[in-house]
Amino acid sequence: MRRKWLWIAFLLAAAVEFFLLIWVRGEFRTVEAEGKEYVVPVSVQFADNFYEKNYITLHVPIDKAQWSGPAAPVAGESVYVSIRAGENEAMEVLGAQPDQPSGEYLLVRAKHLEGDVLYFDFPSDRLYMDEADRRKIPVTEVAERIQVRDPDTGRTETRMKNTLTARVRVKDGRAVITALLVNGSPVTAAFTTVGTNADVKYAASGKEKDTVVPMGDGT
């Protein structure tokens, strides 16, 4: 009899997990299809099994906002971050509050408050891709950093070789990452022919610096 009840409990737990998975996938598809689109800056988080997963992990550096609540939120508490679309659909953060705003927002979990600035993690960090598309991503192109001299200040700074952004859909506070872009083009496109940062002249010695060669410049 005891074994029978164990099997019943196991089957019930499996059924709950199955229906929860279906619900999560359904919610994901709804946000993906109906959410408002934004563009956010990202960086790719690499791991040893990068090509073995069905998704790539992205870091979105949108992680703080001005807090306007009457009291500090508790760590882990769900709060609302007001957002809007700026130029070229870039996501702009307006502030954070304990109550749902009238406009677009992200539903996030509070981490900590420093003064009147709330810190949180962006609510989405995965871009799901099939294996064929993941295999097209050259690691060096999305991770390489170069040293470039600023023509105005004369200073040398280190930055990413390519500009990485992602398309994000937001609906009812939920966020879904739908595409990774390199210099504005899909990540699976040819890297050497897109963007202002595609052509790089590498330093030949320690006395020189890597420089970006403008597209179409034969020098």
N, C-alpha and C. Protein backbone atom coordinates (compact mmCIF):
# COMPACT_ATOMS: atom_id res chain seq x y z
N MET A 1 0.83 -1.21 0.00
CA MET A 1 0.00 0.00 0.00
C MET A 1 0.86 1.27 0.00
N ARG A 2 1.91 1.23 0.83
CA ARG A 2 2.80 2.39 0.91
C ARG A 2 3.47 2.66 -0.43
N ARG A 3 3.86 1.56 -1.11
CA ARG A 3 4.51 1.71 -2.41
C ARG A 3 3.55 2.32 -3.43
N LYS A 4 2.27 1.94 -3.32
CA LYS A 4 1.26 2.48 -4.23
C LYS A 4 1.14 3.99 -4.07
N TRP A 5 1.12 4.48 -2.81
CA TRP A 5 1.01 5.90 -2.57
C TRP A 5 2.25 6.65 -3.03
N LEU A 6 3.40 6.02 -2.94
CA LEU A 6 4.63 6.64 -3.43
C LEU A 6 4.55 6.84 -4.93
N TRP A 7 4.02 5.84 -5.65
CA TRP A 7 3.86 5.95 -7.10
C TRP A 7 2.86 7.04 -7.45
N ILE A 8 1.78 7.13 -6.68
CA ILE A 8 0.78 8.17 -6.93
C ILE A 8 1.39 9.56 -6.73
N ALA A 9 2.18 9.71 -5.66
CA ALA A 9 2.82 10.99 -5.39
C ALA A 9 3.80 11.35 -6.50
N PHE A 10 4.55 10.33 -6.96
CA PHE A 10 5.49 10.55 -8.04
C PHE A 10 4.79 11.01 -9.32
N LEU A 11 3.68 10.35 -9.67
CA LEU A 11 2.93 10.68 -10.88
C LEU A 11 2.32 12.07 -10.77
N LEU A 12 1.83 12.43 -9.60
CA LEU A 12 1.26 13.76 -9.41
C LEU A 12 2.33 14.84 -9.57
N ALA A 13 3.50 14.59 -9.00
CA ALA A 13 4.61 15.55 -9.11
C ALA A 13 5.04 15.71 -10.56
N ALA A 14 5.10 14.58 -11.28
CA ALA A 14 5.47 14.63 -12.69
C ALA A 14 4.44 15.40 -13.51
N ALA A 15 3.16 15.20 -13.19
CA ALA A 15 2.09 15.90 -13.90
C ALA A 15 2.16 17.40 -13.66
N VAL A 16 2.40 17.79 -12.41
CA VAL A 16 2.52 19.22 -12.07
C VAL A 16 3.69 19.84 -12.82
N GLU A 17 4.82 19.14 -12.83
CA GLU A 17 5.99 19.64 -13.53
C GLU A 17 5.74 19.77 -15.03
N PHE A 18 5.03 18.81 -15.61
CA PHE A 18 4.72 18.83 -17.03
C PHE A 18 3.83 20.03 -17.38
N PHE A 19 2.77 20.23 -16.60
CA PHE A 19 1.86 21.34 -16.87
C PHE A 19 2.53 22.68 -16.61
N LEU A 20 3.43 22.74 -15.64
CA LEU A 20 4.18 23.97 -15.38
C LEU A 20 5.07 24.30 -16.56
N LEU A 21 5.71 23.28 -17.13
CA LEU A 21 6.56 23.48 -18.29
C LEU A 21 5.75 23.99 -19.48
N ILE A 22 4.58 23.40 -19.69
CA ILE A 22 3.71 23.83 -20.78
C ILE A 22 3.28 25.28 -20.58
N TRP A 23 2.96 25.65 -19.33
CA TRP A 23 2.53 27.02 -19.03
C TRP A 23 3.66 28.01 -19.29
N VAL A 24 4.88 27.68 -18.84
CA VAL A 24 6.03 28.56 -19.04
C VAL A 24 6.31 28.75 -20.53
N ARG A 25 6.26 27.66 -21.28
CA ARG A 25 6.50 27.76 -22.73
C ARG A 25 5.42 28.59 -23.40
N GLY A 26 4.18 28.43 -22.95
CA GLY A 26 3.09 29.21 -23.51
C GLY A 26 3.26 30.69 -23.24
N GLU A 27 3.68 31.02 -22.01
CA GLU A 27 3.91 32.41 -21.65
C GLU A 27 5.06 32.99 -22.47
N PHE A 28 6.11 32.19 -22.66
CA PHE A 28 7.27 32.62 -23.46
C PHE A 28 6.81 32.97 -24.88
N ARG A 29 6.02 32.09 -25.49
CA ARG A 29 5.55 32.30 -26.86
C ARG A 29 4.66 33.54 -26.95
N THR A 30 3.84 33.76 -25.93
CA THR A 30 2.96 34.92 -25.93
C THR A 30 3.75 36.22 -25.91
N VAL A 31 4.74 36.30 -25.02
CA VAL A 31 5.58 37.50 -24.94
C VAL A 31 6.36 37.68 -26.24
N GLU A 32 6.89 36.58 -26.77
CA GLU A 32 7.66 36.63 -28.01
C GLU A 32 6.82 37.15 -29.17
N ALA A 33 5.55 36.78 -29.22
CA ALA A 33 4.69 37.15 -30.34
C ALA A 33 4.02 38.51 -30.15
N GLU A 34 3.67 38.86 -28.91
CA GLU A 34 2.86 40.04 -28.69
C GLU A 34 3.58 41.18 -27.97
N GLY A 35 4.76 40.93 -27.42
CA GLY A 35 5.45 41.95 -26.64
C GLY A 35 5.97 43.11 -27.47
N LYS A 36 6.12 44.26 -26.83
CA LYS A 36 6.71 45.44 -27.46
C LYS A 36 8.21 45.22 -27.60
N GLU A 37 8.77 45.59 -28.75
CA GLU A 37 10.18 45.31 -29.01
C GLU A 37 11.08 46.47 -28.57
N TYR A 38 12.20 46.10 -27.97
CA TYR A 38 13.23 47.04 -27.56
C TYR A 38 14.59 46.50 -28.01
N VAL A 39 15.58 47.39 -28.01
CA VAL A 39 16.96 46.99 -28.28
C VAL A 39 17.80 47.31 -27.05
N VAL A 40 18.59 46.35 -26.59
CA VAL A 40 19.41 46.54 -25.39
C VAL A 40 20.85 46.14 -25.67
N PRO A 41 21.84 46.76 -24.99
CA PRO A 41 23.22 46.33 -25.13
C PRO A 41 23.42 45.00 -24.42
N VAL A 42 24.31 44.15 -24.92
CA VAL A 42 24.56 42.86 -24.30
C VAL A 42 26.02 42.47 -24.44
N SER A 43 26.41 41.48 -23.66
CA SER A 43 27.68 40.79 -23.85
C SER A 43 27.39 39.30 -23.73
N VAL A 44 28.18 38.48 -24.41
CA VAL A 44 27.96 37.04 -24.43
C VAL A 44 28.74 36.40 -23.29
N GLN A 45 28.08 35.55 -22.53
CA GLN A 45 28.73 34.83 -21.43
C GLN A 45 29.11 33.43 -21.92
N PHE A 46 30.41 33.21 -22.05
CA PHE A 46 30.88 31.94 -22.61
C PHE A 46 31.12 30.91 -21.51
N ALA A 47 30.96 29.65 -21.88
CA ALA A 47 31.23 28.52 -20.99
C ALA A 47 31.85 27.41 -21.82
N ASP A 48 32.41 26.41 -21.14
CA ASP A 48 33.06 25.31 -21.85
C ASP A 48 32.10 24.57 -22.78
N ASN A 49 30.83 24.52 -22.40
CA ASN A 49 29.84 23.80 -23.21
C ASN A 49 28.99 24.76 -24.05
N PHE A 50 29.59 25.87 -24.49
CA PHE A 50 28.87 26.92 -25.23
C PHE A 50 28.10 26.35 -26.41
N TYR A 51 28.71 25.45 -27.18
CA TYR A 51 28.07 24.92 -28.38
C TYR A 51 27.18 23.70 -28.10
N GLU A 52 27.09 23.29 -26.86
CA GLU A 52 26.33 22.08 -26.53
C GLU A 52 24.94 22.37 -25.98
N LYS A 53 24.63 23.62 -25.65
CA LYS A 53 23.34 23.97 -25.08
C LYS A 53 22.39 24.43 -26.18
N ASN A 54 21.11 24.51 -25.85
CA ASN A 54 20.14 24.99 -26.83
C ASN A 54 19.88 26.49 -26.69
N TYR A 55 20.76 27.18 -25.97
CA TYR A 55 20.65 28.62 -25.81
C TYR A 55 22.04 29.20 -25.56
N ILE A 56 22.15 30.53 -25.74
CA ILE A 56 23.38 31.22 -25.35
C ILE A 56 23.01 32.20 -24.23
N THR A 57 23.92 32.34 -23.29
CA THR A 57 23.68 33.21 -22.14
C THR A 57 24.19 34.61 -22.43
N LEU A 58 23.35 35.60 -22.20
CA LEU A 58 23.69 36.99 -22.46
C LEU A 58 23.59 37.80 -21.17
N HIS A 59 24.45 38.79 -21.04
CA HIS A 59 24.36 39.72 -19.91
C HIS A 59 23.86 41.05 -20.42
N VAL A 60 22.75 41.53 -19.85
CA VAL A 60 22.19 42.83 -20.20
C VAL A 60 22.54 43.81 -19.08
N PRO A 61 23.36 44.84 -19.35
CA PRO A 61 23.81 45.75 -18.29
C PRO A 61 22.77 46.80 -17.90
N ILE A 62 21.51 46.43 -17.92
CA ILE A 62 20.44 47.28 -17.40
C ILE A 62 20.09 46.72 -16.03
N ASP A 63 20.67 47.30 -15.00
CA ASP A 63 20.59 46.68 -13.67
C ASP A 63 20.39 47.66 -12.53
N LYS A 64 20.01 48.89 -12.83
CA LYS A 64 19.76 49.85 -11.75
C LYS A 64 18.77 50.92 -12.20
N ALA A 65 18.07 51.50 -11.22
CA ALA A 65 17.08 52.52 -11.50
C ALA A 65 16.83 53.36 -10.26
N GLN A 66 16.39 54.59 -10.47
CA GLN A 66 16.05 55.48 -9.36
C GLN A 66 14.82 54.92 -8.64
N TRP A 67 14.92 54.75 -7.33
CA TRP A 67 13.83 54.19 -6.55
C TRP A 67 12.93 55.31 -6.04
N SER A 68 11.61 55.14 -6.19
CA SER A 68 10.67 56.17 -5.77
C SER A 68 9.65 55.66 -4.75
N GLY A 69 9.91 54.52 -4.16
CA GLY A 69 8.99 53.96 -3.17
C GLY A 69 9.14 54.62 -1.81
N PRO A 70 8.13 54.49 -0.96
CA PRO A 70 8.17 55.08 0.38
C PRO A 70 9.15 54.37 1.32
N ALA A 71 9.46 53.11 1.02
CA ALA A 71 10.38 52.34 1.86
C ALA A 71 11.27 51.47 0.98
N ALA A 72 12.42 51.11 1.51
CA ALA A 72 13.34 50.26 0.76
C ALA A 72 12.75 48.87 0.57
N PRO A 73 12.85 48.31 -0.63
CA PRO A 73 12.33 46.95 -0.85
C PRO A 73 13.23 45.91 -0.20
N VAL A 74 12.64 44.79 0.14
CA VAL A 74 13.39 43.67 0.71
C VAL A 74 14.08 42.92 -0.43
N ALA A 75 15.27 42.41 -0.18
CA ALA A 75 15.98 41.64 -1.20
C ALA A 75 15.12 40.48 -1.68
N GLY A 76 14.95 40.36 -3.00
CA GLY A 76 14.13 39.31 -3.56
C GLY A 76 12.70 39.73 -3.81
N GLU A 77 12.31 40.90 -3.32
CA GLU A 77 10.94 41.38 -3.51
C GLU A 77 10.70 41.78 -4.97
N SER A 78 9.54 41.49 -5.52
CA SER A 78 9.19 41.87 -6.88
C SER A 78 8.81 43.35 -6.92
N VAL A 79 9.44 44.09 -7.83
CA VAL A 79 9.14 45.51 -7.99
C VAL A 79 9.03 45.82 -9.49
N TYR A 80 8.60 47.02 -9.79
CA TYR A 80 8.36 47.42 -11.18
C TYR A 80 9.39 48.45 -11.62
N VAL A 81 9.96 48.24 -12.80
CA VAL A 81 10.90 49.19 -13.39
C VAL A 81 10.26 49.78 -14.65
N SER A 82 9.97 51.07 -14.62
CA SER A 82 9.34 51.73 -15.76
C SER A 82 10.36 51.89 -16.90
N ILE A 83 9.93 51.60 -18.12
CA ILE A 83 10.81 51.71 -19.28
C ILE A 83 10.07 52.40 -20.43
N ARG A 84 10.85 52.83 -21.41
CA ARG A 84 10.28 53.36 -22.65
C ARG A 84 11.28 53.13 -23.77
N ALA A 85 10.79 53.24 -25.00
CA ALA A 85 11.65 53.08 -26.17
C ALA A 85 12.19 54.44 -26.59
N GLY A 86 13.53 54.55 -26.66
CA GLY A 86 14.16 55.78 -27.10
C GLY A 86 14.48 55.72 -28.58
N GLU A 87 15.55 56.38 -28.97
CA GLU A 87 15.97 56.39 -30.37
C GLU A 87 16.35 54.99 -30.83
N ASN A 88 15.90 54.62 -32.01
CA ASN A 88 16.17 53.29 -32.58
C ASN A 88 15.69 52.17 -31.66
N GLU A 89 14.63 52.42 -30.92
CA GLU A 89 13.99 51.43 -30.04
C GLU A 89 14.86 51.04 -28.84
N ALA A 90 15.88 51.82 -28.54
CA ALA A 90 16.74 51.52 -27.40
C ALA A 90 15.95 51.62 -26.11
N MET A 91 16.09 50.62 -25.23
CA MET A 91 15.37 50.63 -23.96
C MET A 91 15.95 51.67 -23.02
N GLU A 92 15.08 52.52 -22.49
CA GLU A 92 15.48 53.54 -21.52
C GLU A 92 14.75 53.28 -20.20
N VAL A 93 15.48 53.34 -19.10
CA VAL A 93 14.91 53.10 -17.77
C VAL A 93 14.48 54.43 -17.18
N LEU A 94 13.24 54.50 -16.70
CA LEU A 94 12.70 55.73 -16.13
C LEU A 94 12.76 55.75 -14.61
N GLY A 95 12.64 54.58 -13.99
CA GLY A 95 12.66 54.51 -12.53
C GLY A 95 12.07 53.22 -12.04
N ALA A 96 12.15 53.01 -10.73
CA ALA A 96 11.62 51.78 -10.11
C ALA A 96 10.67 52.16 -8.99
N GLN A 97 9.64 51.32 -8.78
CA GLN A 97 8.63 51.62 -7.78
C GLN A 97 7.95 50.33 -7.32
N PRO A 98 7.26 50.37 -6.18
CA PRO A 98 6.62 49.15 -5.66
C PRO A 98 5.30 48.83 -6.35
N ASP A 99 4.67 49.83 -6.98
CA ASP A 99 3.37 49.62 -7.62
C ASP A 99 3.48 49.63 -9.13
N GLN A 100 2.57 48.93 -9.79
CA GLN A 100 2.59 48.83 -11.25
C GLN A 100 2.34 50.20 -11.89
N PRO A 101 3.23 50.62 -12.80
CA PRO A 101 3.06 51.92 -13.46
C PRO A 101 2.03 51.83 -14.59
N SER A 102 1.66 52.97 -15.13
CA SER A 102 0.66 53.00 -16.19
C SER A 102 1.24 52.64 -17.55
N GLY A 103 2.54 52.86 -17.74
CA GLY A 103 3.17 52.57 -19.02
C GLY A 103 3.85 51.21 -19.04
N GLU A 104 4.83 51.07 -19.96
CA GLU A 104 5.56 49.81 -20.07
C GLU A 104 6.48 49.63 -18.86
N TYR A 105 6.71 48.38 -18.49
CA TYR A 105 7.54 48.12 -17.32
C TYR A 105 8.15 46.73 -17.38
N LEU A 106 9.18 46.53 -16.56
CA LEU A 106 9.79 45.23 -16.31
C LEU A 106 9.46 44.82 -14.89
N LEU A 107 9.15 43.56 -14.70
CA LEU A 107 8.93 43.02 -13.36
C LEU A 107 10.24 42.36 -12.94
N VAL A 108 10.90 42.90 -11.91
CA VAL A 108 12.21 42.41 -11.51
C VAL A 108 12.22 42.12 -10.02
N ARG A 109 13.29 41.47 -9.57
CA ARG A 109 13.47 41.20 -8.15
C ARG A 109 14.57 42.12 -7.62
N ALA A 110 14.24 42.84 -6.57
CA ALA A 110 15.18 43.77 -5.98
C ALA A 110 16.40 43.04 -5.40
N LYS A 111 17.57 43.63 -5.57
CA LYS A 111 18.79 43.09 -4.97
C LYS A 111 19.16 43.91 -3.73
N HIS A 112 19.45 45.19 -3.94
CA HIS A 112 19.73 46.06 -2.80
C HIS A 112 19.57 47.51 -3.22
N LEU A 113 19.46 48.37 -2.23
CA LEU A 113 19.28 49.80 -2.46
C LEU A 113 20.50 50.54 -1.93
N GLU A 114 21.08 51.37 -2.79
CA GLU A 114 22.20 52.22 -2.39
C GLU A 114 21.76 53.66 -2.54
N GLY A 115 21.52 54.32 -1.41
CA GLY A 115 20.96 55.65 -1.47
C GLY A 115 19.54 55.55 -2.02
N ASP A 116 19.28 56.19 -3.16
CA ASP A 116 17.97 56.07 -3.79
C ASP A 116 18.05 55.32 -5.12
N VAL A 117 19.10 54.52 -5.29
CA VAL A 117 19.28 53.74 -6.51
C VAL A 117 19.07 52.26 -6.21
N LEU A 118 18.13 51.66 -6.92
CA LEU A 118 17.83 50.24 -6.74
C LEU A 118 18.61 49.41 -7.75
N TYR A 119 19.21 48.32 -7.27
CA TYR A 119 19.95 47.40 -8.14
C TYR A 119 19.15 46.11 -8.30
N PHE A 120 19.18 45.57 -9.50
CA PHE A 120 18.43 44.36 -9.82
C PHE A 120 19.11 43.65 -10.97
N ASP A 121 18.68 42.44 -11.27
CA ASP A 121 19.16 41.71 -12.44
C ASP A 121 18.12 41.83 -13.54
N PHE A 122 18.59 42.00 -14.79
CA PHE A 122 17.65 42.03 -15.90
C PHE A 122 16.90 40.70 -15.92
N PRO A 123 15.58 40.72 -16.14
CA PRO A 123 14.78 39.50 -15.98
C PRO A 123 14.93 38.43 -17.05
N SER A 124 15.77 38.63 -18.05
CA SER A 124 15.99 37.59 -19.07
C SER A 124 17.46 37.57 -19.45
N ASP A 125 18.02 36.36 -19.60
CA ASP A 125 19.44 36.27 -19.95
C ASP A 125 19.73 35.15 -20.94
N ARG A 126 18.69 34.60 -21.57
CA ARG A 126 18.91 33.49 -22.51
C ARG A 126 18.32 33.78 -23.88
N LEU A 127 19.09 33.46 -24.91
CA LEU A 127 18.58 33.49 -26.28
C LEU A 127 18.59 32.05 -26.78
N TYR A 128 17.42 31.49 -27.02
CA TYR A 128 17.33 30.11 -27.47
C TYR A 128 17.62 30.03 -28.97
N MET A 129 18.54 29.13 -29.34
CA MET A 129 18.94 28.95 -30.74
C MET A 129 19.16 27.47 -31.01
N ASP A 130 18.90 27.06 -32.24
CA ASP A 130 19.19 25.66 -32.56
C ASP A 130 20.68 25.48 -32.80
N GLU A 131 21.11 24.25 -32.83
CA GLU A 131 22.55 23.95 -32.91
C GLU A 131 23.18 24.52 -34.17
N ALA A 132 22.48 24.45 -35.29
CA ALA A 132 23.05 24.92 -36.55
C ALA A 132 23.39 26.41 -36.48
N ASP A 133 22.51 27.20 -35.86
CA ASP A 133 22.77 28.63 -35.74
C ASP A 133 23.87 28.93 -34.73
N ARG A 134 23.91 28.17 -33.63
CA ARG A 134 24.97 28.38 -32.63
C ARG A 134 26.33 28.10 -33.23
N ARG A 135 26.42 27.11 -34.11
CA ARG A 135 27.69 26.76 -34.73
C ARG A 135 28.22 27.85 -35.65
N LYS A 136 27.35 28.77 -36.06
CA LYS A 136 27.76 29.85 -36.95
C LYS A 136 28.40 31.02 -36.20
N ILE A 137 28.33 30.99 -34.88
CA ILE A 137 28.82 32.11 -34.09
C ILE A 137 30.32 31.97 -33.82
N PRO A 138 31.17 32.82 -34.41
CA PRO A 138 32.60 32.77 -34.12
C PRO A 138 32.88 33.48 -32.79
N VAL A 139 33.43 32.75 -31.85
CA VAL A 139 33.66 33.28 -30.52
C VAL A 139 34.50 34.55 -30.54
N THR A 140 35.56 34.58 -31.36
CA THR A 140 36.44 35.74 -31.38
C THR A 140 35.71 37.01 -31.78
N GLU A 141 34.74 36.91 -32.68
CA GLU A 141 34.05 38.09 -33.16
C GLU A 141 33.12 38.70 -32.12
N VAL A 142 32.58 37.90 -31.23
CA VAL A 142 31.66 38.43 -30.23
C VAL A 142 32.32 38.62 -28.86
N ALA A 143 33.61 38.30 -28.76
CA ALA A 143 34.29 38.45 -27.48
C ALA A 143 35.55 39.30 -27.55
N GLU A 144 36.10 39.50 -28.74
CA GLU A 144 37.39 40.16 -28.86
C GLU A 144 37.32 41.65 -28.51
N ARG A 145 38.32 42.11 -27.80
CA ARG A 145 38.46 43.52 -27.46
C ARG A 145 39.71 44.07 -28.16
N ILE A 146 39.64 45.34 -28.54
CA ILE A 146 40.77 45.98 -29.22
C ILE A 146 41.09 47.31 -28.55
N GLN A 147 42.30 47.82 -28.80
CA GLN A 147 42.73 49.11 -28.30
C GLN A 147 42.63 50.12 -29.43
N VAL A 148 41.92 51.20 -29.19
CA VAL A 148 41.68 52.21 -30.21
C VAL A 148 42.01 53.59 -29.66
N ARG A 149 42.67 54.41 -30.46
CA ARG A 149 43.01 55.76 -30.05
C ARG A 149 41.87 56.71 -30.43
N ASP A 150 41.41 57.46 -29.43
CA ASP A 150 40.35 58.43 -29.66
C ASP A 150 40.94 59.62 -30.39
N PRO A 151 40.45 59.95 -31.61
CA PRO A 151 41.03 61.05 -32.38
C PRO A 151 40.84 62.42 -31.73
N ASP A 152 39.84 62.55 -30.86
CA ASP A 152 39.58 63.84 -30.21
C ASP A 152 40.46 64.06 -28.99
N THR A 153 40.60 63.04 -28.16
CA THR A 153 41.37 63.19 -26.92
C THR A 153 42.80 62.67 -27.05
N GLY A 154 43.06 61.83 -28.06
CA GLY A 154 44.38 61.24 -28.21
C GLY A 154 44.63 60.09 -27.26
N ARG A 155 43.66 59.74 -26.44
CA ARG A 155 43.81 58.66 -25.48
C ARG A 155 43.50 57.31 -26.13
N THR A 156 44.16 56.28 -25.64
CA THR A 156 43.91 54.93 -26.13
C THR A 156 42.96 54.23 -25.16
N GLU A 157 41.89 53.67 -25.70
CA GLU A 157 40.92 52.97 -24.85
C GLU A 157 40.68 51.56 -25.38
N THR A 158 40.30 50.67 -24.48
CA THR A 158 40.00 49.30 -24.85
C THR A 158 38.49 49.14 -24.94
N ARG A 159 38.02 48.58 -26.03
CA ARG A 159 36.59 48.35 -26.20
C ARG A 159 36.36 47.11 -27.04
N MET A 160 35.10 46.72 -27.13
CA MET A 160 34.76 45.55 -27.93
C MET A 160 35.02 45.84 -29.40
N LYS A 161 35.51 44.84 -30.12
CA LYS A 161 35.74 44.99 -31.55
C LYS A 161 34.43 45.27 -32.27
N ASN A 162 33.37 44.58 -31.88
CA ASN A 162 32.06 44.75 -32.49
C ASN A 162 31.04 45.20 -31.45
N THR A 163 30.02 45.89 -31.89
CA THR A 163 28.95 46.35 -31.01
C THR A 163 27.86 45.28 -30.93
N LEU A 164 27.62 44.78 -29.72
CA LEU A 164 26.63 43.72 -29.52
C LEU A 164 25.36 44.29 -28.89
N THR A 165 24.23 43.99 -29.50
CA THR A 165 22.94 44.36 -28.95
C THR A 165 21.99 43.17 -29.11
N ALA A 166 20.84 43.27 -28.48
CA ALA A 166 19.85 42.20 -28.60
C ALA A 166 18.47 42.82 -28.73
N ARG A 167 17.60 42.10 -29.43
CA ARG A 167 16.19 42.49 -29.48
C ARG A 167 15.47 41.80 -28.34
N VAL A 168 14.67 42.55 -27.62
CA VAL A 168 13.92 42.03 -26.47
C VAL A 168 12.45 42.39 -26.63
N ARG A 169 11.57 41.45 -26.35
CA ARG A 169 10.14 41.69 -26.34
C ARG A 169 9.66 41.75 -24.89
N VAL A 170 8.81 42.73 -24.57
CA VAL A 170 8.32 42.90 -23.21
C VAL A 170 6.81 42.98 -23.21
N LYS A 171 6.18 42.18 -22.35
CA LYS A 171 4.71 42.20 -22.20
C LYS A 171 4.36 41.89 -20.75
N ASP A 172 3.58 42.74 -20.15
CA ASP A 172 3.14 42.54 -18.76
C ASP A 172 4.33 42.31 -17.82
N GLY A 173 5.40 43.01 -18.07
CA GLY A 173 6.57 42.92 -17.20
C GLY A 173 7.52 41.80 -17.53
N ARG A 174 7.11 40.84 -18.36
CA ARG A 174 7.96 39.71 -18.73
C ARG A 174 8.81 40.08 -19.93
N ALA A 175 10.03 39.61 -19.97
CA ALA A 175 10.95 39.92 -21.06
C ALA A 175 11.47 38.65 -21.71
N VAL A 176 11.56 38.66 -23.03
CA VAL A 176 12.08 37.54 -23.80
C VAL A 176 13.09 38.07 -24.81
N ILE A 177 14.29 37.51 -24.82
CA ILE A 177 15.31 37.89 -25.80
C ILE A 177 15.06 37.11 -27.08
N THR A 178 14.91 37.83 -28.19
CA THR A 178 14.55 37.17 -29.45
C THR A 178 15.66 37.15 -30.49
N ALA A 179 16.68 38.00 -30.36
CA ALA A 179 17.74 38.01 -31.38
C ALA A 179 18.99 38.68 -30.82
N LEU A 180 20.15 38.20 -31.26
CA LEU A 180 21.43 38.80 -30.95
C LEU A 180 21.96 39.47 -32.21
N LEU A 181 22.36 40.74 -32.09
CA LEU A 181 22.83 41.50 -33.24
C LEU A 181 24.29 41.90 -33.06
N VAL A 182 25.04 41.87 -34.15
CA VAL A 182 26.43 42.32 -34.16
C VAL A 182 26.51 43.47 -35.15
N ASN A 183 26.81 44.67 -34.65
CA ASN A 183 26.81 45.87 -35.48
C ASN A 183 25.48 46.04 -36.20
N GLY A 184 24.40 45.67 -35.54
CA GLY A 184 23.07 45.85 -36.08
C GLY A 184 22.57 44.74 -36.97
N SER A 185 23.38 43.73 -37.25
CA SER A 185 22.99 42.62 -38.11
C SER A 185 22.88 41.33 -37.30
N PRO A 186 22.10 40.35 -37.76
CA PRO A 186 21.97 39.08 -37.03
C PRO A 186 23.33 38.43 -36.78
N VAL A 187 23.47 37.80 -35.64
CA VAL A 187 24.74 37.23 -35.23
C VAL A 187 25.24 36.16 -36.20
N THR A 188 24.32 35.51 -36.91
CA THR A 188 24.72 34.45 -37.83
C THR A 188 25.17 34.98 -39.19
N ALA A 189 25.11 36.32 -39.40
CA ALA A 189 25.53 36.91 -40.68
C ALA A 189 27.06 36.95 -40.76
N ALA A 190 27.58 37.30 -41.93
CA ALA A 190 29.03 37.39 -42.13
C ALA A 190 29.57 38.60 -41.38
N PHE A 191 30.50 38.37 -40.47
CA PHE A 191 31.01 39.44 -39.62
C PHE A 191 31.94 40.40 -40.35
N THR A 192 32.67 39.92 -41.31
CA THR A 192 33.69 40.76 -41.93
C THR A 192 33.13 41.79 -42.89
N THR A 193 31.81 41.78 -43.08
CA THR A 193 31.24 42.71 -44.05
C THR A 193 30.18 43.62 -43.45
N VAL A 194 30.04 43.62 -42.14
CA VAL A 194 29.03 44.47 -41.54
C VAL A 194 29.63 45.35 -40.47
N GLY A 195 29.02 46.55 -40.31
CA GLY A 195 29.37 47.41 -39.20
C GLY A 195 30.61 48.24 -39.39
N THR A 196 30.72 49.28 -38.58
CA THR A 196 31.86 50.18 -38.67
C THR A 196 33.09 49.60 -38.02
N ASN A 197 32.95 48.56 -37.25
CA ASN A 197 34.09 48.00 -36.52
C ASN A 197 34.61 46.71 -37.15
N ALA A 198 34.18 46.41 -38.38
CA ALA A 198 34.51 45.12 -38.97
C ALA A 198 35.97 45.01 -39.37
N ASP A 199 36.57 46.09 -39.86
CA ASP A 199 37.94 46.05 -40.33
C ASP A 199 38.87 46.59 -39.26
N VAL A 200 39.81 45.77 -38.84
CA VAL A 200 40.73 46.17 -37.79
C VAL A 200 42.16 45.98 -38.24
N LYS A 201 42.99 47.01 -38.05
CA LYS A 201 44.42 46.92 -38.35
C LYS A 201 45.12 46.64 -37.03
N TYR A 202 45.67 45.44 -36.90
CA TYR A 202 46.27 45.04 -35.63
C TYR A 202 47.70 45.56 -35.49
N ALA A 203 48.08 45.81 -34.25
CA ALA A 203 49.41 46.33 -33.98
C ALA A 203 50.48 45.33 -34.38
N ALA A 204 51.56 45.83 -35.00
CA ALA A 204 52.66 44.97 -35.44
C ALA A 204 53.73 44.83 -34.36
N SER A 205 53.70 45.71 -33.37
CA SER A 205 54.68 45.66 -32.29
C SER A 205 54.07 46.29 -31.04
N GLY A 206 54.82 46.22 -29.95
CA GLY A 206 54.34 46.77 -28.69
C GLY A 206 54.25 48.28 -28.70
N LYS A 207 54.90 48.93 -29.67
CA LYS A 207 54.87 50.38 -29.76
C LYS A 207 53.64 50.89 -30.52
N GLU A 208 52.92 49.99 -31.16
CA GLU A 208 51.76 50.38 -31.94
C GLU A 208 50.47 49.96 -31.22
N LYS A 209 49.36 50.48 -31.74
CA LYS A 209 48.05 50.16 -31.19
C LYS A 209 47.15 49.61 -32.29
N ASP A 210 46.21 48.74 -31.89
CA ASP A 210 45.20 48.29 -32.84
C ASP A 210 44.37 49.50 -33.26
N THR A 211 44.03 49.59 -34.52
CA THR A 211 43.20 50.69 -35.00
C THR A 211 42.08 50.16 -35.88
N VAL A 212 40.98 50.90 -35.88
CA VAL A 212 39.85 50.53 -36.73
C VAL A 212 40.00 51.21 -38.07
N VAL A 213 39.91 50.41 -39.14
CA VAL A 213 39.98 50.94 -40.50
C VAL A 213 38.56 51.12 -40.99
N PRO A 214 38.11 52.34 -41.31
CA PRO A 214 36.73 52.56 -41.75
C PRO A 214 36.39 51.69 -42.95
N MET A 215 35.13 51.26 -43.01
CA MET A 215 34.68 50.43 -44.11
C MET A 215 34.90 51.16 -45.44
N GLY A 216 35.47 50.46 -46.40
CA GLY A 216 35.69 51.05 -47.71
C GLY A 216 37.00 51.81 -47.83
N ASP A 217 37.74 51.95 -46.73
CA ASP A 217 39.02 52.65 -46.75
C ASP A 217 40.10 51.66 -47.09
N GLY A 218 40.78 51.86 -48.16
CA GLY A 218 41.80 50.91 -48.61
C GLY A 218 43.16 51.11 -48.01
N THR A 219 43.30 52.07 -47.11
CA THR A 219 44.60 52.32 -46.51
C THR A 219 44.91 51.28 -45.46
